[in-house]
């Protein structure tokens, strides 16, 4: 149970934070606070109805009403140790979660109806940390540790054999499909710093996109495919293969070819801020979580 013990330790270390769920408006450049929580929440997904955000909170998955801040817990059955790697199905009718299973404390991917229901195991091999669901609904992409190496894998949405896509040394993480399904975006430490990459869905054509002197994580492509946001740590502030909490970080935006890179938001956060896609359906906003230490 060492892995689950480590998860509980990290939760304990973050009990001293206030979580601030925010929305950034690209048209105005304004940050809007949706709700402050006296406990840890992480990783917002935006529902296609445009009215709700999905977050993980103390092992649960919750819906947050954007206008009222009202919170509803989703019945995820025995999956009550969910981490911040969760993704909505293209049809918005299901959610896939990464749950720290009790038998060994390792993260596995389960699929659950969005309004609650029985979890269905998708990745029996662990640990597996979900990040992407193909636009046609056929395939999920995740980071998996196998024999001490973290790489990008895909698996059929109905279950089956996993396929390894990356083979470079060091951490490969955060795989997410482009809205047209033609690319998988990911981040890799293979150059010495964590940088943003993309590749074809079969793993071919791996191409480095960011080439700055920072450590960059979790690229999320806007619904129209024209903008990419990611979270960035200062070089030397963290180990390249780590994305810890409670750091001064930046949210950047660029075009899919890596041009016009700009800083949109500076905040105190990191782990939990922007782990999964949080673009609004119209592509005009995105959600994120900042943090404040309790006094």
Protein backbone atom coordinates (compact mmCIF):
# COMPACT_ATOMS: atom_id res chain seq x y z
CA UNK A 1 0.00 0.00 0.00
CA UNK A 2 3.03 2.27 -0.29
CA UNK A 3 1.66 4.15 -3.29
CA UNK A 4 -1.67 4.86 -1.59
CA UNK A 5 0.22 5.97 1.51
CA UNK A 6 2.15 8.43 -0.69
CA UNK A 7 -1.13 9.74 -2.11
CA UNK A 8 -2.54 10.29 1.38
CA UNK A 9 0.68 12.00 2.42
CA UNK A 10 0.44 14.44 -0.50
CA UNK A 11 -3.19 15.16 0.41
CA UNK A 12 -2.15 15.88 3.98
CA UNK A 13 0.55 18.24 2.77
CA UNK A 14 -2.10 20.26 0.90
CA UNK A 15 -4.69 20.57 3.63
CA UNK A 16 -3.33 24.04 4.30
CA UNK A 17 -4.56 25.51 0.99
CA UNK A 18 -7.62 27.38 -0.15
CA UNK A 19 -8.59 26.37 -3.70
CA UNK A 20 -9.84 29.11 -6.00
CA UNK A 21 -11.78 27.96 -9.07
CA UNK A 22 -11.39 30.61 -11.77
CA UNK A 23 -12.27 31.33 -15.39
CA UNK A 24 -10.07 33.33 -17.77
CA UNK A 25 -11.84 35.31 -20.52
CA UNK A 26 -9.71 35.64 -23.67
CA UNK A 27 -11.70 38.60 -24.99
CA UNK A 28 -11.29 40.76 -21.89
CA UNK A 29 -8.23 39.25 -20.19
CA UNK A 30 -10.22 39.12 -16.95
CA UNK A 31 -10.09 36.42 -14.28
CA UNK A 32 -13.45 35.55 -12.74
CA UNK A 33 -13.60 33.66 -9.45
CA UNK A 34 -16.36 31.04 -9.52
CA UNK A 35 -15.93 29.71 -6.00
CA UNK A 36 -13.38 29.40 -3.18
CA UNK A 37 -13.05 26.08 -1.38
CA UNK A 38 -11.60 25.57 2.08
CA UNK A 39 -10.08 22.30 0.86
CA UNK A 40 -8.20 20.94 -2.12
CA UNK A 41 -9.91 20.78 -5.51
CA UNK A 42 -8.13 20.25 -8.82
CA UNK A 43 -8.28 19.98 -12.59
CA UNK A 44 -11.50 21.46 -14.02
CA UNK A 45 -13.20 20.00 -17.09
CA UNK A 46 -15.82 22.15 -18.83
CA UNK A 47 -19.17 20.47 -19.62
CA UNK A 48 -20.53 20.87 -23.14
CA UNK A 49 -23.65 22.47 -21.71
CA UNK A 50 -21.43 25.43 -20.84
CA UNK A 51 -22.96 25.68 -17.37
CA UNK A 52 -20.91 23.26 -15.26
CA UNK A 53 -17.32 22.44 -14.42
CA UNK A 54 -16.10 19.03 -13.25
CA UNK A 55 -13.36 18.85 -10.59
CA UNK A 56 -11.85 16.25 -8.30
CA UNK A 57 -12.16 16.98 -4.60
CA UNK A 58 -10.79 14.85 -1.76
CA UNK A 59 -11.09 11.71 -3.89
CA UNK A 60 -14.56 12.53 -5.24
CA UNK A 61 -15.66 13.88 -8.61
CA UNK A 62 -17.95 16.91 -8.38
CA UNK A 63 -19.99 19.20 -10.62
CA UNK A 64 -19.78 22.94 -9.97
CA UNK A 65 -22.47 25.26 -11.32
CA UNK A 66 -20.66 28.19 -12.92
CA UNK A 67 -23.34 30.78 -12.11
CA UNK A 68 -24.24 29.77 -8.56
CA UNK A 69 -21.17 27.86 -7.36
CA UNK A 70 -23.43 25.02 -6.19
CA UNK A 71 -21.58 21.71 -5.87
CA UNK A 72 -23.00 18.26 -6.64
CA UNK A 73 -21.07 15.08 -5.92
CA UNK A 74 -21.19 12.48 -8.72
CA UNK A 75 -21.82 8.92 -7.56
CA UNK A 76 -18.63 7.17 -8.69
CA UNK A 77 -19.23 4.01 -6.69
CA UNK A 78 -16.08 2.53 -5.22
CA UNK A 79 -13.95 5.04 -7.15
CA UNK A 80 -13.58 7.43 -4.24
CA UNK A 81 -9.84 7.97 -4.45
CA UNK A 82 -9.87 9.81 -7.78
CA UNK A 83 -6.83 11.91 -8.66
CA UNK A 84 -6.64 14.90 -10.99
CA UNK A 85 -6.50 12.92 -14.25
CA UNK A 86 -10.11 12.72 -15.48
CA UNK A 87 -11.63 13.31 -18.91
CA UNK A 88 -15.15 13.71 -20.26
CA UNK A 89 -16.34 11.55 -23.15
CA UNK A 90 -16.89 13.37 -26.47
CA UNK A 91 -20.63 12.85 -26.03
CA UNK A 92 -20.50 14.33 -22.51
CA UNK A 93 -22.42 11.30 -21.24
CA UNK A 94 -19.54 9.58 -19.42
CA UNK A 95 -16.44 10.47 -17.48
CA UNK A 96 -13.23 8.48 -17.30
CA UNK A 97 -11.39 8.80 -14.00
CA UNK A 98 -8.02 7.73 -12.62
CA UNK A 99 -8.69 6.04 -9.28
CA UNK A 100 -6.12 4.89 -6.73
CA UNK A 101 -7.31 1.30 -6.29
CA UNK A 102 -7.36 -0.16 -2.80
CA UNK A 103 -5.75 -3.48 -3.63
CA UNK A 104 -2.36 -1.93 -4.35
CA UNK A 105 -2.79 1.86 -4.24
CA UNK A 106 -2.01 2.22 -7.96
CA UNK A 107 -3.91 4.46 -10.37
CA UNK A 108 -6.20 2.73 -12.87
CA UNK A 109 -8.66 4.17 -15.37
CA UNK A 110 -12.41 3.56 -14.95
CA UNK A 111 -15.37 4.79 -17.01
CA UNK A 112 -18.53 6.00 -15.23
CA UNK A 113 -21.84 7.54 -16.44
CA UNK A 114 -21.66 11.31 -15.98
CA UNK A 115 -24.72 11.30 -13.72
CA UNK A 116 -23.28 8.50 -11.62
CA UNK A 117 -23.23 4.72 -11.80
CA UNK A 118 -21.10 1.61 -11.72
CA UNK A 119 -17.42 2.11 -12.64
CA UNK A 120 -16.05 -0.08 -15.44
CA UNK A 121 -12.34 -0.90 -15.36
CA UNK A 122 -10.48 0.09 -18.54
CA UNK A 123 -6.78 -0.32 -17.68
CA UNK A 124 -6.01 -3.37 -15.54
CA UNK A 125 -2.29 -2.60 -15.80
CA UNK A 126 -1.15 0.11 -13.38
CA UNK A 127 -0.26 2.81 -12.77
CA UNK A 128 -2.21 4.53 -15.51
CA UNK A 129 -3.06 8.25 -15.52
CA UNK A 130 -5.71 9.33 -18.01
CA UNK A 131 -5.45 12.50 -20.08
CA UNK A 132 -7.20 12.11 -23.45
CA UNK A 133 -10.27 10.73 -25.21
CA UNK A 134 -10.32 10.72 -29.02
CA UNK A 135 -12.99 12.92 -30.64
CA UNK A 136 -14.66 9.89 -32.26
CA UNK A 137 -14.93 8.24 -28.85
CA UNK A 138 -13.01 5.13 -29.90
CA UNK A 139 -9.74 5.49 -27.97
CA UNK A 140 -8.34 6.81 -24.69
CA UNK A 141 -4.79 8.04 -24.14
CA UNK A 142 -2.90 7.94 -20.87
CA UNK A 143 0.49 7.99 -19.19
CA UNK A 144 1.55 4.61 -17.86
CA UNK A 145 4.52 3.41 -15.86
CA UNK A 146 5.72 0.03 -17.08
CA UNK A 147 8.98 -1.47 -15.80
CA UNK A 148 10.14 1.85 -14.35
CA UNK A 149 9.52 3.88 -17.53
CA UNK A 150 6.68 6.39 -18.00
CA UNK A 151 5.33 6.46 -21.55
CA UNK A 152 2.24 7.34 -23.57
CA UNK A 153 -0.27 4.56 -24.22
CA UNK A 154 -3.65 4.26 -25.92
CA UNK A 155 -6.40 1.71 -25.38
CA UNK A 156 -9.80 1.08 -27.06
CA UNK A 157 -12.65 2.78 -25.21
CA UNK A 158 -14.39 -0.56 -24.88
CA UNK A 159 -11.32 -2.20 -23.38
CA UNK A 160 -8.60 -4.29 -24.98
CA UNK A 161 -4.85 -4.28 -25.54
CA UNK A 162 -2.90 -1.14 -24.73
CA UNK A 163 -0.52 0.29 -27.34
CA UNK A 164 2.72 2.04 -26.41
CA UNK A 165 3.41 5.21 -28.43
CA UNK A 166 6.61 6.69 -26.93
CA UNK A 167 9.94 4.97 -26.33
CA UNK A 168 12.30 7.78 -25.27
CA UNK A 169 14.09 7.77 -21.92
CA UNK A 170 12.56 9.86 -19.15
CA UNK A 171 8.99 10.92 -18.46
CA UNK A 172 6.42 11.22 -21.27
CA UNK A 173 3.09 12.47 -19.92
CA UNK A 174 -0.16 14.36 -20.51
CA UNK A 175 -1.41 12.89 -23.83
CA UNK A 176 -4.41 14.74 -25.22
CA UNK A 177 -6.06 14.54 -28.62
CA UNK A 178 -6.42 17.57 -30.85
CA UNK A 179 -10.10 18.38 -31.57
CA UNK A 180 -9.82 16.91 -35.09
CA UNK A 181 -8.16 13.76 -33.77
CA UNK A 182 -5.17 14.09 -36.09
CA UNK A 183 -2.58 14.71 -33.36
CA UNK A 184 -1.89 13.70 -29.78
CA UNK A 185 -0.28 16.45 -27.73
CA UNK A 186 1.97 15.47 -24.84
CA UNK A 187 4.92 16.66 -22.77
CA UNK A 188 8.31 14.98 -22.59
CA UNK A 189 11.52 15.49 -20.63
CA UNK A 190 13.70 13.87 -23.32
CA UNK A 191 15.55 17.12 -24.13
CA UNK A 192 16.54 17.78 -20.51
CA UNK A 193 13.68 20.17 -19.74
CA UNK A 194 9.99 19.31 -19.86
CA UNK A 195 8.66 20.53 -23.19
CA UNK A 196 5.47 20.32 -25.24
CA UNK A 197 5.37 17.84 -28.15
CA UNK A 198 2.81 16.43 -30.54
CA UNK A 199 2.62 13.27 -32.63
CA UNK A 200 0.35 11.29 -34.91
CA UNK A 201 -2.20 9.04 -33.16
CA UNK A 202 -0.08 5.98 -33.96
CA UNK A 203 3.00 7.50 -32.31
CA UNK A 204 4.78 8.48 -35.51
CA UNK A 205 5.96 11.99 -36.39
CA UNK A 206 6.89 13.12 -32.88
CA UNK A 207 7.62 16.85 -33.02
CA UNK A 208 8.85 19.24 -30.33
CA UNK A 209 6.76 22.43 -30.15
CA UNK A 210 8.02 24.52 -27.21
CA UNK A 211 11.75 25.18 -27.05
CA UNK A 212 12.03 27.73 -24.25
CA UNK A 213 14.12 27.61 -21.08
CA UNK A 214 11.22 26.56 -18.84
CA UNK A 215 9.49 23.34 -17.83
CA UNK A 216 6.17 23.08 -19.67
CA UNK A 217 3.30 20.72 -18.96
CA UNK A 218 -0.16 19.67 -20.15
CA UNK A 219 -0.98 21.24 -23.50
CA UNK A 220 -4.70 21.79 -24.11
CA UNK A 221 -5.97 22.66 -27.60
CA UNK A 222 -8.98 24.94 -27.99
CA UNK A 223 -12.14 23.52 -29.62
CA UNK A 224 -11.40 25.31 -32.91
CA UNK A 225 -7.85 23.92 -32.94
CA UNK A 226 -6.26 27.37 -33.22
CA UNK A 227 -4.98 27.97 -29.68
CA UNK A 228 -3.00 25.93 -27.18
CA UNK A 229 -2.63 26.66 -23.47
CA UNK A 230 -0.17 25.02 -21.11
CA UNK A 231 1.24 25.45 -17.61
CA UNK A 232 4.86 26.49 -17.20
CA UNK A 233 7.37 26.36 -14.34
CA UNK A 234 10.51 28.46 -14.10
CA UNK A 235 13.71 26.57 -14.92
CA UNK A 236 15.52 25.61 -11.74
CA UNK A 237 12.40 26.01 -9.61
CA UNK A 238 11.44 22.34 -10.06
CA UNK A 239 12.98 19.15 -11.31
CA UNK A 240 12.13 18.80 -15.04
CA UNK A 241 10.20 15.59 -14.44
CA UNK A 242 8.12 16.95 -11.57
CA UNK A 243 5.07 19.24 -11.47
CA UNK A 244 4.58 20.01 -7.79
CA UNK A 245 1.97 22.11 -6.05
CA UNK A 246 2.44 25.47 -4.33
CA UNK A 247 4.73 27.08 -6.88
CA UNK A 248 4.64 30.34 -8.79
CA UNK A 249 3.67 29.28 -12.30
CA UNK A 250 2.42 30.73 -15.57
CA UNK A 251 -0.33 29.78 -17.99
CA UNK A 252 0.87 30.33 -21.54
CA UNK A 253 -1.00 30.42 -24.85
CA UNK A 254 0.46 29.78 -28.31
CA UNK A 255 -0.58 28.69 -31.78
CA UNK A 256 -0.34 24.97 -32.65
CA UNK A 257 3.00 25.57 -34.40
CA UNK A 258 4.46 27.09 -31.22
CA UNK A 259 4.35 30.69 -32.44
CA UNK A 260 3.00 33.79 -30.66
CA UNK A 261 3.69 32.34 -27.22
CA UNK A 262 2.42 34.67 -24.49
CA UNK A 263 1.84 34.60 -20.75
CA UNK A 264 -1.85 34.93 -19.90
CA UNK A 265 -1.88 34.28 -16.15
CA UNK A 266 0.70 34.32 -13.35
CA UNK A 267 -0.47 32.45 -10.26
CA UNK A 268 0.38 30.36 -7.22
CA UNK A 269 -0.41 26.79 -8.14
CA UNK A 270 1.06 24.02 -10.28
CA UNK A 271 -0.19 20.52 -9.54
CA UNK A 272 -3.97 20.62 -9.87
CA UNK A 273 -4.13 23.95 -11.73
CA UNK A 274 -4.46 22.79 -15.33
CA UNK A 275 -3.94 19.02 -15.55
CA UNK A 276 -6.78 18.32 -17.98
CA UNK A 277 -8.56 20.15 -20.79
CA UNK A 278 -10.66 23.00 -19.41
CA UNK A 279 -11.62 25.02 -22.49
CA UNK A 280 -15.17 26.34 -22.69
CA UNK A 281 -17.25 24.86 -25.56
CA UNK A 282 -17.02 28.12 -27.52
CA UNK A 283 -13.26 28.41 -27.00
CA UNK A 284 -13.54 31.89 -25.53
CA UNK A 285 -12.61 30.96 -21.97
CA UNK A 286 -10.81 28.34 -19.94
CA UNK A 287 -11.03 27.28 -16.30
CA UNK A 288 -8.17 26.71 -13.87
CA UNK A 289 -7.46 26.47 -10.15
CA UNK A 290 -5.17 28.78 -8.20
CA UNK A 291 -4.32 28.33 -4.54
CA UNK A 292 -3.70 30.37 -1.42
CA UNK A 293 -2.05 29.15 1.75
CA UNK A 294 -4.22 29.32 4.84
CA UNK A 295 -2.98 31.73 7.47
